Amino acid sequence: MSLFDKREQVYGPETLSVGDFDPTVDGCYRNVVTIPLTVRPRRVLRVKVSSDHPVDVVVAREDRSSAGHRDGVMEAVLGPFDTGKSSSMGILLGVYKGDKAKVTVEAWTDRE
């Protein structure tokens, strides 16, 4: 990474499994995965998602409101989402019960 590069990696890239069978949770499926992010205020967040099966993606703010969402994503870059005064945000990935997906997620912030 360059000394003057504005991009700051806040998550990944990491491959996750969504929709795994797990009898220890309600409904027996882990069809929603949450990813907490530590961000810096006054930046913009971008999220890159790549999946082998359509997934629903939500980017949430610190106050539990939705910054944005997209349904049925297989390959997309979501954002830019303003971090405002937040020091944390989150990503939620979901599939329908019984579906399974391998998802690669990457998130970064930029100064703009």
PDB file of N, CA and C in Angstrom:
ATOM      1  N   MET A   1       0.842  -1.166   0.000  1.00  0.00           N
ATOM      2  CA  MET A   1       0.000   0.000   0.000  1.00  0.00           C
ATOM      3  C   MET A   1       0.890   1.232   0.000  1.00  0.00           C
ATOM      4  N   SER A   2       0.522   2.176  -0.801  1.00  0.00           N
ATOM      5  CA  SER A   2       1.268   3.412  -0.935  1.00  0.00           C
ATOM      6  C   SER A   2       1.092   4.298   0.297  1.00  0.00           C
ATOM      7  N   LEU A   3       2.072   5.115   0.558  1.00  0.00           N
ATOM      8  CA  LEU A   3       2.020   6.038   1.681  1.00  0.00           C
ATOM      9  C   LEU A   3       0.867   7.028   1.537  1.00  0.00           C
ATOM     10  N   PHE A   4       0.539   7.403   0.316  1.00  0.00           N
ATOM     11  CA  PHE A   4      -0.514   8.387   0.076  1.00  0.00           C
ATOM     12  C   PHE A   4      -1.829   7.759  -0.358  1.00  0.00           C
ATOM     13  N   ASP A   5      -1.949   6.452  -0.262  1.00  0.00           N
ATOM     14  CA  ASP A   5      -3.176   5.763  -0.627  1.00  0.00           C
ATOM     15  C   ASP A   5      -4.276   6.121   0.368  1.00  0.00           C
ATOM     16  N   LYS A   6      -5.440   6.486  -0.129  1.00  0.00           N
ATOM     17  CA  LYS A   6      -6.554   6.884   0.714  1.00  0.00           C
ATOM     18  C   LYS A   6      -7.364   5.687   1.200  1.00  0.00           C
ATOM     19  N   ARG A   7      -7.189   4.533   0.618  1.00  0.00           N
ATOM     20  CA  ARG A   7      -7.989   3.351   0.931  1.00  0.00           C
ATOM     21  C   ARG A   7      -7.492   2.677   2.207  1.00  0.00           C
ATOM     22  N   GLU A   8      -8.418   2.389   3.127  1.00  0.00           N
ATOM     23  CA  GLU A   8      -8.098   1.703   4.370  1.00  0.00           C
ATOM     24  C   GLU A   8      -8.971   0.449   4.473  1.00  0.00           C
ATOM     25  N   GLN A   9      -8.338  -0.709   4.473  1.00  0.00           N
ATOM     26  CA  GLN A   9      -9.046  -1.984   4.543  1.00  0.00           C
ATOM     27  C   GLN A   9      -9.624  -2.168   5.950  1.00  0.00           C
ATOM     28  N   VAL A  10     -10.948  -2.435   6.054  1.00  0.00           N
ATOM     29  CA  VAL A  10     -11.564  -2.646   7.361  1.00  0.00           C
ATOM     30  C   VAL A  10     -12.050  -4.081   7.548  1.00  0.00           C
ATOM     31  N   TYR A  11     -12.112  -4.868   6.447  1.00  0.00           N
ATOM     32  CA  TYR A  11     -12.475  -6.274   6.559  1.00  0.00           C
ATOM     33  C   TYR A  11     -12.064  -7.015   5.296  1.00  0.00           C
ATOM     34  N   GLY A  12     -11.509  -8.216   5.493  1.00  0.00           N
ATOM     35  CA  GLY A  12     -11.265  -9.159   4.420  1.00  0.00           C
ATOM     36  C   GLY A  12     -10.117  -8.813   3.505  1.00  0.00           C
ATOM     37  N   PRO A  13     -10.128  -9.426   2.343  1.00  0.00           N
ATOM     38  CA  PRO A  13     -11.163 -10.313   1.823  1.00  0.00           C
ATOM     39  C   PRO A  13     -11.177 -11.658   2.558  1.00  0.00           C
ATOM     40  N   GLU A  14     -12.382 -12.110   2.878  1.00  0.00           N
ATOM     41  CA  GLU A  14     -12.558 -13.355   3.600  1.00  0.00           C
ATOM     42  C   GLU A  14     -13.754 -14.109   3.026  1.00  0.00           C
ATOM     43  N   THR A  15     -13.615 -15.442   2.935  1.00  0.00           N
ATOM     44  CA  THR A  15     -14.688 -16.278   2.422  1.00  0.00           C
ATOM     45  C   THR A  15     -15.465 -16.886   3.585  1.00  0.00           C
ATOM     46  N   LEU A  16     -16.794 -16.708   3.535  1.00  0.00           N
ATOM     47  CA  LEU A  16     -17.688 -17.196   4.585  1.00  0.00           C
ATOM     48  C   LEU A  16     -18.709 -18.151   3.996  1.00  0.00           C
ATOM     49  N   SER A  17     -19.247 -19.006   4.836  1.00  0.00           N
ATOM     50  CA  SER A  17     -20.323 -19.893   4.441  1.00  0.00           C
ATOM     51  C   SER A  17     -21.611 -19.413   5.100  1.00  0.00           C
ATOM     52  N   VAL A  18     -22.645 -19.204   4.295  1.00  0.00           N
ATOM     53  CA  VAL A  18     -23.936 -18.740   4.791  1.00  0.00           C
ATOM     54  C   VAL A  18     -24.965 -19.824   4.494  1.00  0.00           C
ATOM     55  N   GLY A  19     -25.791 -20.153   5.481  1.00  0.00           N
ATOM     56  CA  GLY A  19     -26.855 -21.137   5.286  1.00  0.00           C
ATOM     57  C   GLY A  19     -26.500 -22.525   5.771  1.00  0.00           C
ATOM     58  N   ASP A  20     -25.475 -22.648   6.608  1.00  0.00           N
ATOM     59  CA  ASP A  20     -25.077 -23.963   7.123  1.00  0.00           C
ATOM     60  C   ASP A  20     -26.132 -24.532   8.068  1.00  0.00           C
ATOM     61  N   PHE A  21     -26.288 -25.838   8.046  1.00  0.00           N
ATOM     62  CA  PHE A  21     -27.181 -26.536   8.971  1.00  0.00           C
ATOM     63  C   PHE A  21     -26.532 -26.545  10.357  1.00  0.00           C
ATOM     64  N   ASP A  22     -27.272 -26.101  11.366  1.00  0.00           N
ATOM     65  CA  ASP A  22     -26.771 -26.057  12.737  1.00  0.00           C
ATOM     66  C   ASP A  22     -27.943 -26.296  13.700  1.00  0.00           C
ATOM     67  N   PRO A  23     -28.058 -27.499  14.246  1.00  0.00           N
ATOM     68  CA  PRO A  23     -29.194 -27.801  15.115  1.00  0.00           C
ATOM     69  C   PRO A  23     -29.167 -27.060  16.459  1.00  0.00           C
ATOM     70  N   THR A  24     -28.087 -26.344  16.779  1.00  0.00           N
ATOM     71  CA  THR A  24     -28.009 -25.632  18.059  1.00  0.00           C
ATOM     72  C   THR A  24     -28.673 -24.258  18.027  1.00  0.00           C
ATOM     73  N   VAL A  25     -29.065 -23.763  16.852  1.00  0.00           N
ATOM     74  CA  VAL A  25     -29.708 -22.450  16.744  1.00  0.00           C
ATOM     75  C   VAL A  25     -31.176 -22.610  16.378  1.00  0.00           C
ATOM     76  N   ASP A  26     -31.976 -21.591  16.678  1.00  0.00           N
ATOM     77  CA  ASP A  26     -33.388 -21.612  16.306  1.00  0.00           C
ATOM     78  C   ASP A  26     -33.522 -21.724  14.796  1.00  0.00           C
ATOM     79  N   GLY A  27     -34.369 -22.594  14.339  1.00  0.00           N
ATOM     80  CA  GLY A  27     -34.579 -22.789  12.909  1.00  0.00           C
ATOM     81  C   GLY A  27     -33.607 -23.751  12.269  1.00  0.00           C
ATOM     82  N   CYS A  28     -32.573 -24.153  12.989  1.00  0.00           N
ATOM     83  CA  CYS A  28     -31.585 -25.160  12.552  1.00  0.00           C
ATOM     84  C   CYS A  28     -30.703 -24.735  11.377  1.00  0.00           C
ATOM     85  N   TYR A  29     -30.747 -23.472  10.977  1.00  0.00           N
ATOM     86  CA  TYR A  29     -29.889 -23.007   9.890  1.00  0.00           C
ATOM     87  C   TYR A  29     -29.259 -21.675  10.276  1.00  0.00           C
ATOM     88  N   ARG A  30     -28.003 -21.496   9.924  1.00  0.00           N
ATOM     89  CA  ARG A  30     -27.338 -20.202  10.090  1.00  0.00           C
ATOM     90  C   ARG A  30     -27.474 -19.450   8.767  1.00  0.00           C
ATOM     91  N   ASN A  31     -28.706 -18.967   8.514  1.00  0.00           N
ATOM     92  CA  ASN A  31     -28.972 -18.322   7.231  1.00  0.00           C
ATOM     93  C   ASN A  31     -28.747 -16.806   7.258  1.00  0.00           C
ATOM     94  N   VAL A  32     -28.316 -16.277   8.407  1.00  0.00           N
ATOM     95  CA  VAL A  32     -27.927 -14.875   8.496  1.00  0.00           C
ATOM     96  C   VAL A  32     -26.565 -14.800   9.191  1.00  0.00           C
ATOM     97  N   VAL A  33     -25.622 -14.103   8.562  1.00  0.00           N
ATOM     98  CA  VAL A  33     -24.285 -13.918   9.127  1.00  0.00           C
ATOM     99  C   VAL A  33     -24.065 -12.416   9.306  1.00  0.00           C
ATOM    100  N   THR A  34     -23.609 -12.037  10.487  1.00  0.00           N
ATOM    101  CA  THR A  34     -23.323 -10.628  10.748  1.00  0.00           C
ATOM    102  C   THR A  34     -21.813 -10.417  10.833  1.00  0.00           C
ATOM    103  N   ILE A  35     -21.359  -9.295  10.296  1.00  0.00           N
ATOM    104  CA  ILE A  35     -19.939  -8.947  10.298  1.00  0.00           C
ATOM    105  C   ILE A  35     -19.805  -7.537  10.880  1.00  0.00           C
ATOM    106  N   PRO A  36     -19.263  -7.406  12.088  1.00  0.00           N
ATOM    107  CA  PRO A  36     -19.048  -6.062  12.638  1.00  0.00           C
ATOM    108  C   PRO A  36     -17.812  -5.405  12.018  1.00  0.00           C
ATOM    109  N   LEU A  37     -17.900  -4.108  11.797  1.00  0.00           N
ATOM    110  CA  LEU A  37     -16.799  -3.359  11.198  1.00  0.00           C
ATOM    111  C   LEU A  37     -16.422  -2.188  12.097  1.00  0.00           C
ATOM    112  N   THR A  38     -15.143  -1.941  12.234  1.00  0.00           N
ATOM    113  CA  THR A  38     -14.656  -0.754  12.926  1.00  0.00           C
ATOM    114  C   THR A  38     -14.228   0.238  11.859  1.00  0.00           C
ATOM    115  N   VAL A  39     -14.909   1.382  11.830  1.00  0.00           N
ATOM    116  CA  VAL A  39     -14.642   2.396  10.816  1.00  0.00           C
ATOM    117  C   VAL A  39     -14.243   3.703  11.487  1.00  0.00           C
ATOM    118  N   ARG A  40     -13.724   4.609  10.684  1.00  0.00           N
ATOM    119  CA  ARG A  40     -13.374   5.938  11.184  1.00  0.00           C
ATOM    120  C   ARG A  40     -14.435   6.934  10.738  1.00  0.00           C
ATOM    121  N   PRO A  41     -14.739   7.915  11.592  1.00  0.00           N
ATOM    122  CA  PRO A  41     -15.734   8.927  11.219  1.00  0.00           C
ATOM    123  C   PRO A  41     -15.314   9.735   9.997  1.00  0.00           C
ATOM    124  N   ARG A  42     -16.320  10.278   9.325  1.00  0.00           N
ATOM    125  CA  ARG A  42     -16.136  11.143   8.158  1.00  0.00           C
ATOM    126  C   ARG A  42     -15.381  10.462   7.019  1.00  0.00           C
ATOM    127  N   ARG A  43     -15.741   9.235   6.748  1.00  0.00           N
ATOM    128  CA  ARG A  43     -15.202   8.468   5.614  1.00  0.00           C
ATOM    129  C   ARG A  43     -16.378   7.917   4.818  1.00  0.00           C
ATOM    130  N   VAL A  44     -16.081   7.230   3.737  1.00  0.00           N
ATOM    131  CA  VAL A  44     -17.111   6.498   3.000  1.00  0.00           C
ATOM    132  C   VAL A  44     -16.723   5.028   2.959  1.00  0.00           C
ATOM    133  N   LEU A  45     -17.706   4.183   3.163  1.00  0.00           N
ATOM    134  CA  LEU A  45     -17.506   2.736   3.211  1.00  0.00           C
ATOM    135  C   LEU A  45     -17.972   2.114   1.911  1.00  0.00           C
ATOM    136  N   ARG A  46     -17.182   1.180   1.403  1.00  0.00           N
ATOM    137  CA  ARG A  46     -17.554   0.387   0.228  1.00  0.00           C
ATOM    138  C   ARG A  46     -17.420  -1.081   0.606  1.00  0.00           C
ATOM    139  N   VAL A  47     -18.330  -1.899   0.076  1.00  0.00           N
ATOM    140  CA  VAL A  47     -18.355  -3.325   0.377  1.00  0.00           C
ATOM    141  C   VAL A  47     -18.400  -4.093  -0.937  1.00  0.00           C
ATOM    142  N   LYS A  48     -17.478  -5.034  -1.104  1.00  0.00           N
ATOM    143  CA  LYS A  48     -17.450  -5.884  -2.298  1.00  0.00           C
ATOM    144  C   LYS A  48     -17.888  -7.284  -1.897  1.00  0.00           C
ATOM    145  N   VAL A  49     -18.868  -7.827  -2.628  1.00  0.00           N
ATOM    146  CA  VAL A  49     -19.414  -9.150  -2.339  1.00  0.00           C
ATOM    147  C   VAL A  49     -19.349  -9.994  -3.602  1.00  0.00           C
ATOM    148  N   SER A  50     -18.873 -11.232  -3.439  1.00  0.00           N
ATOM    149  CA  SER A  50     -18.835 -12.196  -4.529  1.00  0.00           C
ATOM    150  C   SER A  50     -19.337 -13.524  -3.981  1.00  0.00           C
ATOM    151  N   SER A  51     -20.335 -14.124  -4.641  1.00  0.00           N
ATOM    152  CA  SER A  51     -20.978 -15.322  -4.108  1.00  0.00           C
ATOM    153  C   SER A  51     -21.265 -16.331  -5.209  1.00  0.00           C
ATOM    154  N   ASP A  52     -21.366 -17.606  -4.806  1.00  0.00           N
ATOM    155  CA  ASP A  52     -21.715 -18.648  -5.763  1.00  0.00           C
ATOM    156  C   ASP A  52     -23.227 -18.887  -5.828  1.00  0.00           C
ATOM    157  N   HIS A  53     -23.994 -18.225  -4.972  1.00  0.00           N
ATOM    158  CA  HIS A  53     -25.453 -18.328  -4.916  1.00  0.00           C
ATOM    159  C   HIS A  53     -25.980 -16.953  -4.491  1.00  0.00           C
ATOM    160  N   PRO A  54     -27.120 -16.496  -5.000  1.00  0.00           N
ATOM    161  CA  PRO A  54     -27.606 -15.167  -4.624  1.00  0.00           C
ATOM    162  C   PRO A  54     -27.797 -14.999  -3.115  1.00  0.00           C
ATOM    163  N   VAL A  55     -27.284 -13.891  -2.585  1.00  0.00           N
ATOM    164  CA  VAL A  55     -27.423 -13.558  -1.166  1.00  0.00           C
ATOM    165  C   VAL A  55     -27.988 -12.143  -1.044  1.00  0.00           C
ATOM    166  N   ASP A  56     -28.632 -11.877   0.084  1.00  0.00           N
ATOM    167  CA  ASP A  56     -29.103 -10.537   0.402  1.00  0.00           C
ATOM    168  C   ASP A  56     -28.051  -9.877   1.281  1.00  0.00           C
ATOM    169  N   VAL A  57     -27.731  -8.624   0.986  1.00  0.00           N
ATOM    170  CA  VAL A  57     -26.683  -7.905   1.698  1.00  0.00           C
ATOM    171  C   VAL A  57     -27.258  -6.612   2.274  1.00  0.00           C
ATOM    172  N   VAL A  58     -26.994  -6.373   3.557  1.00  0.00           N
ATOM    173  CA  VAL A  58     -27.403  -5.138   4.218  1.00  0.00           C
ATOM    174  C   VAL A  58     -26.161  -4.511   4.853  1.00  0.00           C
ATOM    175  N   VAL A  59     -26.002  -3.214   4.667  1.00  0.00           N
ATOM    176  CA  VAL A  59     -24.956  -2.460   5.355  1.00  0.00           C
ATOM    177  C   VAL A  59     -25.677  -1.610   6.397  1.00  0.00           C
ATOM    178  N   ALA A  60     -25.323  -1.819   7.680  1.00  0.00           N
ATOM    179  CA  ALA A  60     -26.020  -1.159   8.783  1.00  0.00           C
ATOM    180  C   ALA A  60     -25.122  -0.135   9.465  1.00  0.00           C
ATOM    181  N   ARG A  61     -25.770   0.894   9.974  1.00  0.00           N
ATOM    182  CA  ARG A  61     -25.050   1.932  10.713  1.00  0.00           C
ATOM    183  C   ARG A  61     -25.013   1.584  12.196  1.00  0.00           C
ATOM    184  N   GLU A  62     -24.265   2.371  12.937  1.00  0.00           N
ATOM    185  CA  GLU A  62     -24.096   2.179  14.371  1.00  0.00           C
ATOM    186  C   GLU A  62     -25.418   2.297  15.130  1.00  0.00           C
ATOM    187  N   ASP A  63     -26.332   3.138  14.638  1.00  0.00           N
ATOM    188  CA  ASP A  63     -27.619   3.337  15.303  1.00  0.00           C
ATOM    189  C   ASP A  63     -28.672   2.306  14.863  1.00  0.00           C
ATOM    190  N   ARG A  64     -28.226   1.236  14.218  1.00  0.00           N
ATOM    191  CA  ARG A  64     -29.052   0.115  13.754  1.00  0.00           C
ATOM    192  C   ARG A  64     -29.956   0.459  12.571  1.00  0.00           C
ATOM    193  N   SER A  65     -29.696   1.567  11.908  1.00  0.00           N
ATOM    194  CA  SER A  65     -30.437   1.901  10.697  1.00  0.00           C
ATOM    195  C   SER A  65     -29.688   1.332   9.494  1.00  0.00           C
ATOM    196  N   SER A  66     -30.397   1.189   8.404  1.00  0.00           N
ATOM    197  CA  SER A  66     -29.800   0.645   7.193  1.00  0.00           C
ATOM    198  C   SER A  66     -29.152   1.747   6.373  1.00  0.00           C
ATOM    199  N   ALA A  67     -27.886   1.564   6.053  1.00  0.00           N
ATOM    200  CA  ALA A  67     -27.199   2.493   5.148  1.00  0.00           C
ATOM    201  C   ALA A  67     -27.556   2.138   3.706  1.00  0.00           C
ATOM    202  N   GLY A  68     -27.789   0.859   3.457  1.00  0.00           N
ATOM    203  CA  GLY A  68     -28.163   0.392   2.132  1.00  0.00           C
ATOM    204  C   GLY A  68     -28.317  -1.117   2.117  1.00  0.00           C
ATOM    205  N   HIS A  69     -29.005  -1.606   1.094  1.00  0.00           N
ATOM    206  CA  HIS A  69     -29.158  -3.055   0.957  1.00  0.00           C
ATOM    207  C   HIS A  69     -29.353  -3.417  -0.515  1.00  0.00           C
ATOM    208  N   ARG A  70     -29.106  -4.670  -0.796  1.00  0.00           N
ATOM    209  CA  ARG A  70     -29.319  -5.193  -2.140  1.00  0.00           C
ATOM    210  C   ARG A  70     -29.712  -6.663  -2.027  1.00  0.00           C
ATOM    211  N   ASP A  71     -30.708  -7.064  -2.775  1.00  0.00           N
ATOM    212  CA  ASP A  71     -31.202  -8.445  -2.752  1.00  0.00           C
ATOM    213  C   ASP A  71     -30.651  -9.225  -3.939  1.00  0.00           C
ATOM    214  N   GLY A  72     -30.396 -10.523  -3.729  1.00  0.00           N
ATOM    215  CA  GLY A  72     -29.983 -11.408  -4.807  1.00  0.00           C
ATOM    216  C   GLY A  72     -28.634 -11.079  -5.419  1.00  0.00           C
ATOM    217  N   VAL A  73     -27.666 -10.745  -4.605  1.00  0.00           N
ATOM    218  CA  VAL A  73     -26.340 -10.353  -5.089  1.00  0.00           C
ATOM    219  C   VAL A  73     -25.469 -11.581  -5.334  1.00  0.00           C
ATOM    220  N   MET A  74     -24.814 -11.610  -6.485  1.00  0.00           N
ATOM    221  CA  MET A  74     -23.799 -12.625  -6.739  1.00  0.00           C
ATOM    222  C   MET A  74     -22.433 -11.980  -6.912  1.00  0.00           C
ATOM    223  N   GLU A  75     -22.398 -10.769  -7.444  1.00  0.00           N
ATOM    224  CA  GLU A  75     -21.151 -10.032  -7.671  1.00  0.00           C
ATOM    225  C   GLU A  75     -21.501  -8.549  -7.675  1.00  0.00           C
ATOM    226  N   ALA A  76     -21.005  -7.803  -6.673  1.00  0.00           N
ATOM    227  CA  ALA A  76     -21.335  -6.382  -6.618  1.00  0.00           C
ATOM    228  C   ALA A  76     -20.395  -5.633  -5.682  1.00  0.00           C
ATOM    229  N   VAL A  77     -20.273  -4.335  -5.938  1.00  0.00           N
ATOM    230  CA  VAL A  77     -19.617  -3.413  -5.019  1.00  0.00           C
ATOM    231  C   VAL A  77     -20.705  -2.451  -4.556  1.00  0.00           C
ATOM    232  N   LEU A  78     -20.985  -2.445  -3.260  1.00  0.00           N
ATOM    233  CA  LEU A  78     -22.011  -1.589  -2.698  1.00  0.00           C
ATOM    234  C   LEU A  78     -21.365  -0.359  -2.083  1.00  0.00           C
ATOM    235  N   GLY A  79     -21.995   0.773  -2.243  1.00  0.00           N
ATOM    236  CA  GLY A  79     -21.481   1.994  -1.656  1.00  0.00           C
ATOM    237  C   GLY A  79     -21.257   3.037  -2.716  1.00  0.00           C
ATOM    238  N   PRO A  80     -20.788   4.165  -2.334  1.00  0.00           N
ATOM    239  CA  PRO A  80     -20.232   4.556  -1.044  1.00  0.00           C
ATOM    240  C   PRO A  80     -21.321   4.891  -0.030  1.00  0.00           C
ATOM    241  N   PHE A  81     -21.086   4.491   1.230  1.00  0.00           N
ATOM    242  CA  PHE A  81     -21.965   4.793   2.349  1.00  0.00           C
ATOM    243  C   PHE A  81     -21.199   5.703   3.304  1.00  0.00           C
ATOM    244  N   ASP A  82     -21.779   6.836   3.642  1.00  0.00           N
ATOM    245  CA  ASP A  82     -21.143   7.803   4.543  1.00  0.00           C
ATOM    246  C   ASP A  82     -21.103   7.230   5.955  1.00  0.00           C
ATOM    247  N   THR A  83     -19.943   7.247   6.599  1.00  0.00           N
ATOM    248  CA  THR A  83     -19.835   6.751   7.971  1.00  0.00           C
ATOM    249  C   THR A  83     -20.301   7.794   8.976  1.00  0.00           C
ATOM    250  N   GLY A  84     -20.383   9.048   8.583  1.00  0.00           N
ATOM    251  CA  GLY A  84     -20.862  10.103   9.476  1.00  0.00           C
ATOM    252  C   GLY A  84     -20.000  10.205  10.720  1.00  0.00           C
ATOM    253  N   LYS A  85     -20.623  10.155  11.889  1.00  0.00           N
ATOM    254  CA  LYS A  85     -19.904  10.212  13.154  1.00  0.00           C
ATOM    255  C   LYS A  85     -19.679   8.817  13.735  1.00  0.00           C
ATOM    256  N   SER A  86     -20.041   7.785  13.006  1.00  0.00           N
ATOM    257  CA  SER A  86     -19.965   6.401  13.494  1.00  0.00           C
ATOM    258  C   SER A  86     -18.536   5.904  13.618  1.00  0.00           C
ATOM    259  N   SER A  87     -18.314   5.063  14.620  1.00  0.00           N
ATOM    260  CA  SER A  87     -17.035   4.376  14.752  1.00  0.00           C
ATOM    261  C   SER A  87     -17.197   2.889  14.481  1.00  0.00           C
ATOM    262  N   SER A  88     -18.443   2.456  14.273  1.00  0.00           N
ATOM    263  CA  SER A  88     -18.684   1.066  13.910  1.00  0.00           C
ATOM    264  C   SER A  88     -19.881   0.981  12.969  1.00  0.00           C
ATOM    265  N   MET A  89     -19.822  -0.006  12.097  1.00  0.00           N
ATOM    266  CA  MET A  89     -20.911  -0.305  11.167  1.00  0.00           C
ATOM    267  C   MET A  89     -20.959  -1.822  11.053  1.00  0.00           C
ATOM    268  N   GLY A  90     -21.819  -2.351  10.215  1.00  0.00           N
ATOM    269  CA  GLY A  90     -21.897  -3.789  10.083  1.00  0.00           C
ATOM    270  C   GLY A  90     -22.428  -4.219   8.729  1.00  0.00           C
ATOM    271  N   ILE A  91     -22.152  -5.483   8.403  1.00  0.00           N
ATOM    272  CA  ILE A  91     -22.642  -6.102   7.174  1.00  0.00           C
ATOM    273  C   ILE A  91     -23.453  -7.317   7.589  1.00  0.00           C
ATOM    274  N   LEU A  92     -24.623  -7.488   7.009  1.00  0.00           N
ATOM    275  CA  LEU A  92     -25.449  -8.669   7.240  1.00  0.00           C
ATOM    276  C   LEU A  92     -25.629  -9.384   5.912  1.00  0.00           C
ATOM    277  N   LEU A  93     -25.366 -10.684   5.904  1.00  0.00           N
ATOM    278  CA  LEU A  93     -25.536 -11.517   4.719  1.00  0.00           C
ATOM    279  C   LEU A  93     -26.628 -12.526   5.024  1.00  0.00           C
ATOM    280  N   GLY A  94     -27.539 -12.743   4.098  1.00  0.00           N
ATOM    281  CA  GLY A  94     -28.618 -13.684   4.351  1.00  0.00           C
ATOM    282  C   GLY A  94     -29.028 -14.464   3.119  1.00  0.00           C
ATOM    283  N   VAL A  95     -29.485 -15.688   3.362  1.00  0.00           N
ATOM    284  CA  VAL A  95     -30.059 -16.537   2.321  1.00  0.00           C
ATOM    285  C   VAL A  95     -31.347 -17.129   2.882  1.00  0.00           C
ATOM    286  N   TYR A  96     -32.198 -17.650   2.006  1.00  0.00           N
ATOM    287  CA  TYR A  96     -33.414 -18.305   2.456  1.00  0.00           C
ATOM    288  C   TYR A  96     -33.066 -19.618   3.147  1.00  0.00           C
ATOM    289  N   LYS A  97     -33.911 -20.029   4.068  1.00  0.00           N
ATOM    290  CA  LYS A  97     -33.716 -21.274   4.805  1.00  0.00           C
ATOM    291  C   LYS A  97     -33.592 -22.439   3.825  1.00  0.00           C
ATOM    292  N   GLY A  98     -32.533 -23.216   3.995  1.00  0.00           N
ATOM    293  CA  GLY A  98     -32.281 -24.347   3.113  1.00  0.00           C
ATOM    294  C   GLY A  98     -31.291 -24.047   2.005  1.00  0.00           C
ATOM    295  N   ASP A  99     -31.098 -22.770   1.659  1.00  0.00           N
ATOM    296  CA  ASP A  99     -30.097 -22.382   0.660  1.00  0.00           C
ATOM    297  C   ASP A  99     -28.737 -22.271   1.331  1.00  0.00           C
ATOM    298  N   LYS A 100     -27.695 -22.394   0.548  1.00  0.00           N
ATOM    299  CA  LYS A 100     -26.331 -22.297   1.066  1.00  0.00           C
ATOM    300  C   LYS A 100     -25.474 -21.545   0.058  1.00  0.00           C
ATOM    301  N   ALA A 101     -24.565 -20.715   0.571  1.00  0.00           N
ATOM    302  CA  ALA A 101     -23.704 -19.933  -0.313  1.00  0.00           C
ATOM    303  C   ALA A 101     -22.323 -19.760   0.299  1.00  0.00           C
ATOM    304  N   LYS A 102     -21.316 -19.753  -0.553  1.00  0.00           N
ATOM    305  CA  LYS A 102     -19.950 -19.368  -0.182  1.00  0.00           C
ATOM    306  C   LYS A 102     -19.776 -17.927  -0.661  1.00  0.00           C
ATOM    307  N   VAL A 103     -19.502 -17.041   0.282  1.00  0.00           N
ATOM    308  CA  VAL A 103     -19.462 -15.612  -0.014  1.00  0.00           C
ATOM    309  C   VAL A 103     -18.092 -15.045   0.349  1.00  0.00           C
ATOM    310  N   THR A 104     -17.496 -14.307  -0.564  1.00  0.00           N
ATOM    311  CA  THR A 104     -16.258 -13.591  -0.298  1.00  0.00           C
ATOM    312  C   THR A 104     -16.617 -12.124  -0.090  1.00  0.00           C
ATOM    313  N   VAL A 105     -16.218 -11.595   1.070  1.00  0.00           N
ATOM    314  CA  VAL A 105     -16.577 -10.228   1.450  1.00  0.00           C
ATOM    315  C   VAL A 105     -15.308  -9.426   1.702  1.00  0.00           C
ATOM    316  N   GLU A 106     -15.324  -8.195   1.222  1.00  0.00           N
ATOM    317  CA  GLU A 106     -14.222  -7.264   1.449  1.00  0.00           C
ATOM    318  C   GLU A 106     -14.839  -5.887   1.692  1.00  0.00           C
ATOM    319  N   ALA A 107     -14.318  -5.156   2.671  1.00  0.00           N
ATOM    320  CA  ALA A 107     -14.835  -3.816   2.968  1.00  0.00           C
ATOM    321  C   ALA A 107     -13.665  -2.867   3.201  1.00  0.00           C
ATOM    322  N   TRP A 108     -13.816  -1.632   2.721  1.00  0.00           N
ATOM    323  CA  TRP A 108     -12.780  -0.639   2.903  1.00  0.00           C
ATOM    324  C   TRP A 108     -13.415   0.752   2.987  1.00  0.00           C
ATOM    325  N   THR A 109     -12.648   1.682   3.542  1.00  0.00           N
ATOM    326  CA  THR A 109     -13.097   3.070   3.595  1.00  0.00           C
ATOM    327  C   THR A 109     -12.137   3.937   2.800  1.00  0.00           C
ATOM    328  N   ASP A 110     -12.676   5.044   2.307  1.00  0.00           N
ATOM    329  CA  ASP A 110     -11.909   6.030   1.550  1.00  0.00           C
ATOM    330  C   ASP A 110     -12.178   7.404   2.136  1.00  0.00           C
ATOM    331  N   ARG A 111     -11.257   8.307   1.920  1.00  0.00           N
ATOM    332  CA  ARG A 111     -11.508   9.710   2.216  1.00  0.00           C
ATOM    333  C   ARG A 111     -12.034  10.355   0.945  1.00  0.00           C
ATOM    334  N   GLU A 112     -13.159  11.032   1.065  1.00  0.00           N
ATOM    335  CA  GLU A 112     -13.685  11.725  -0.111  1.00  0.00           C
ATOM    336  C   GLU A 112     -14.286  13.031   0.267  1.00  0.00           C
TER     337      GLU A 112
END
